Structure formats: structure tokens, C-alpha cells
Amino acid sequence: MAARAGEKAQESGTFHCAKCNETVRVTKGHEIPKCPKCGNETFDTRTHETTSSRR
């Protein structure tokens, strides 16, 4: 599912720019920014990072 700059993140995660693959870390409920590298507004992938402890 694509996400766009200006939307609020429905889940925390690392968003990957659809144009240059730069990553942006966004916390749930916060606004997704434009790509800091190329200014693109579309992110095609989100890598969801768990908040639980890893053993």
C-alpha cells in the first residue's frame, strides 16, 4: 500500500521512497514528510519494526 507525504502514519515504521528508495522513520500518528533526498511525496514500502524486546 502506497503512502503519501502529508498523511498521518497509521503504523510506525520505516517508509521507503518510491523514487529513490531513501528511508524515513515515522511514528504512528505523525505526518509523513516528503523524501529528504529527492522531495518525492510517494512511499511504496513500509518496513514495520516491532517494539517488543528481541532475545
Protein backbone atom coordinates (compact mmCIF):
# COMPACT_ATOMS: atom_id res chain seq x y z
CA MET A 1 0.00 0.00 0.00
CA ALA A 2 1.44 3.36 -1.01
CA ALA A 3 1.66 6.20 1.49
CA ARG A 4 1.91 9.87 0.63
CA ALA A 5 3.59 12.84 2.26
CA GLY A 6 1.14 14.81 4.38
CA GLU A 7 -0.81 11.74 5.51
CA LYS A 8 -0.67 10.59 9.13
CA ALA A 9 1.12 7.28 9.57
CA GLN A 10 -1.34 4.57 10.59
CA GLU A 11 1.54 2.46 11.95
CA SER A 12 5.11 3.24 13.00
CA GLY A 13 7.75 2.16 10.56
CA THR A 14 10.42 2.99 8.06
CA PHE A 15 8.96 4.30 4.82
CA HIS A 16 10.87 3.74 1.55
CA CYS A 17 10.67 6.40 -1.18
CA ALA A 18 9.11 5.09 -4.41
CA LYS A 19 11.56 7.13 -6.49
CA CYS A 20 15.00 6.82 -4.84
CA ASN A 21 14.44 4.25 -2.05
CA GLU A 22 15.61 6.70 0.65
CA THR A 23 14.11 5.83 4.04
CA VAL A 24 12.20 7.94 6.55
CA ARG A 25 11.29 6.74 10.05
CA VAL A 26 7.77 7.84 11.09
CA THR A 27 5.93 7.18 14.35
CA LYS A 28 2.26 6.20 14.33
CA GLY A 29 0.03 9.29 14.23
CA HIS A 30 2.72 11.64 12.91
CA GLU A 31 2.69 13.25 9.48
CA ILE A 32 4.71 11.56 6.75
CA PRO A 33 7.24 14.07 5.33
CA LYS A 34 8.46 14.41 1.77
CA CYS A 35 11.54 12.35 0.93
CA PRO A 36 14.53 14.20 2.40
CA LYS A 37 16.75 13.14 -0.52
CA CYS A 38 14.67 13.82 -3.65
CA GLY A 39 11.48 15.55 -2.43
CA ASN A 40 9.18 12.80 -3.73
CA GLU A 41 5.84 12.50 -1.96
CA THR A 42 5.12 8.79 -2.50
CA PHE A 43 6.43 5.91 -0.42
CA ASP A 44 5.80 2.43 -1.83
CA THR A 45 7.01 0.25 1.03
CA ARG A 46 6.96 0.40 4.81
CA THR A 47 9.17 -1.85 6.87
CA HIS A 48 7.32 -2.30 10.12
CA GLU A 49 9.65 -2.57 13.07
CA THR A 50 8.36 -4.30 16.17
CA THR A 51 8.52 -2.58 19.53
CA SER A 52 8.85 -5.78 21.58
CA SER A 53 12.18 -6.90 23.01
CA ARG A 54 14.26 -9.27 20.95
CA ARG A 55 16.13 -12.14 22.53
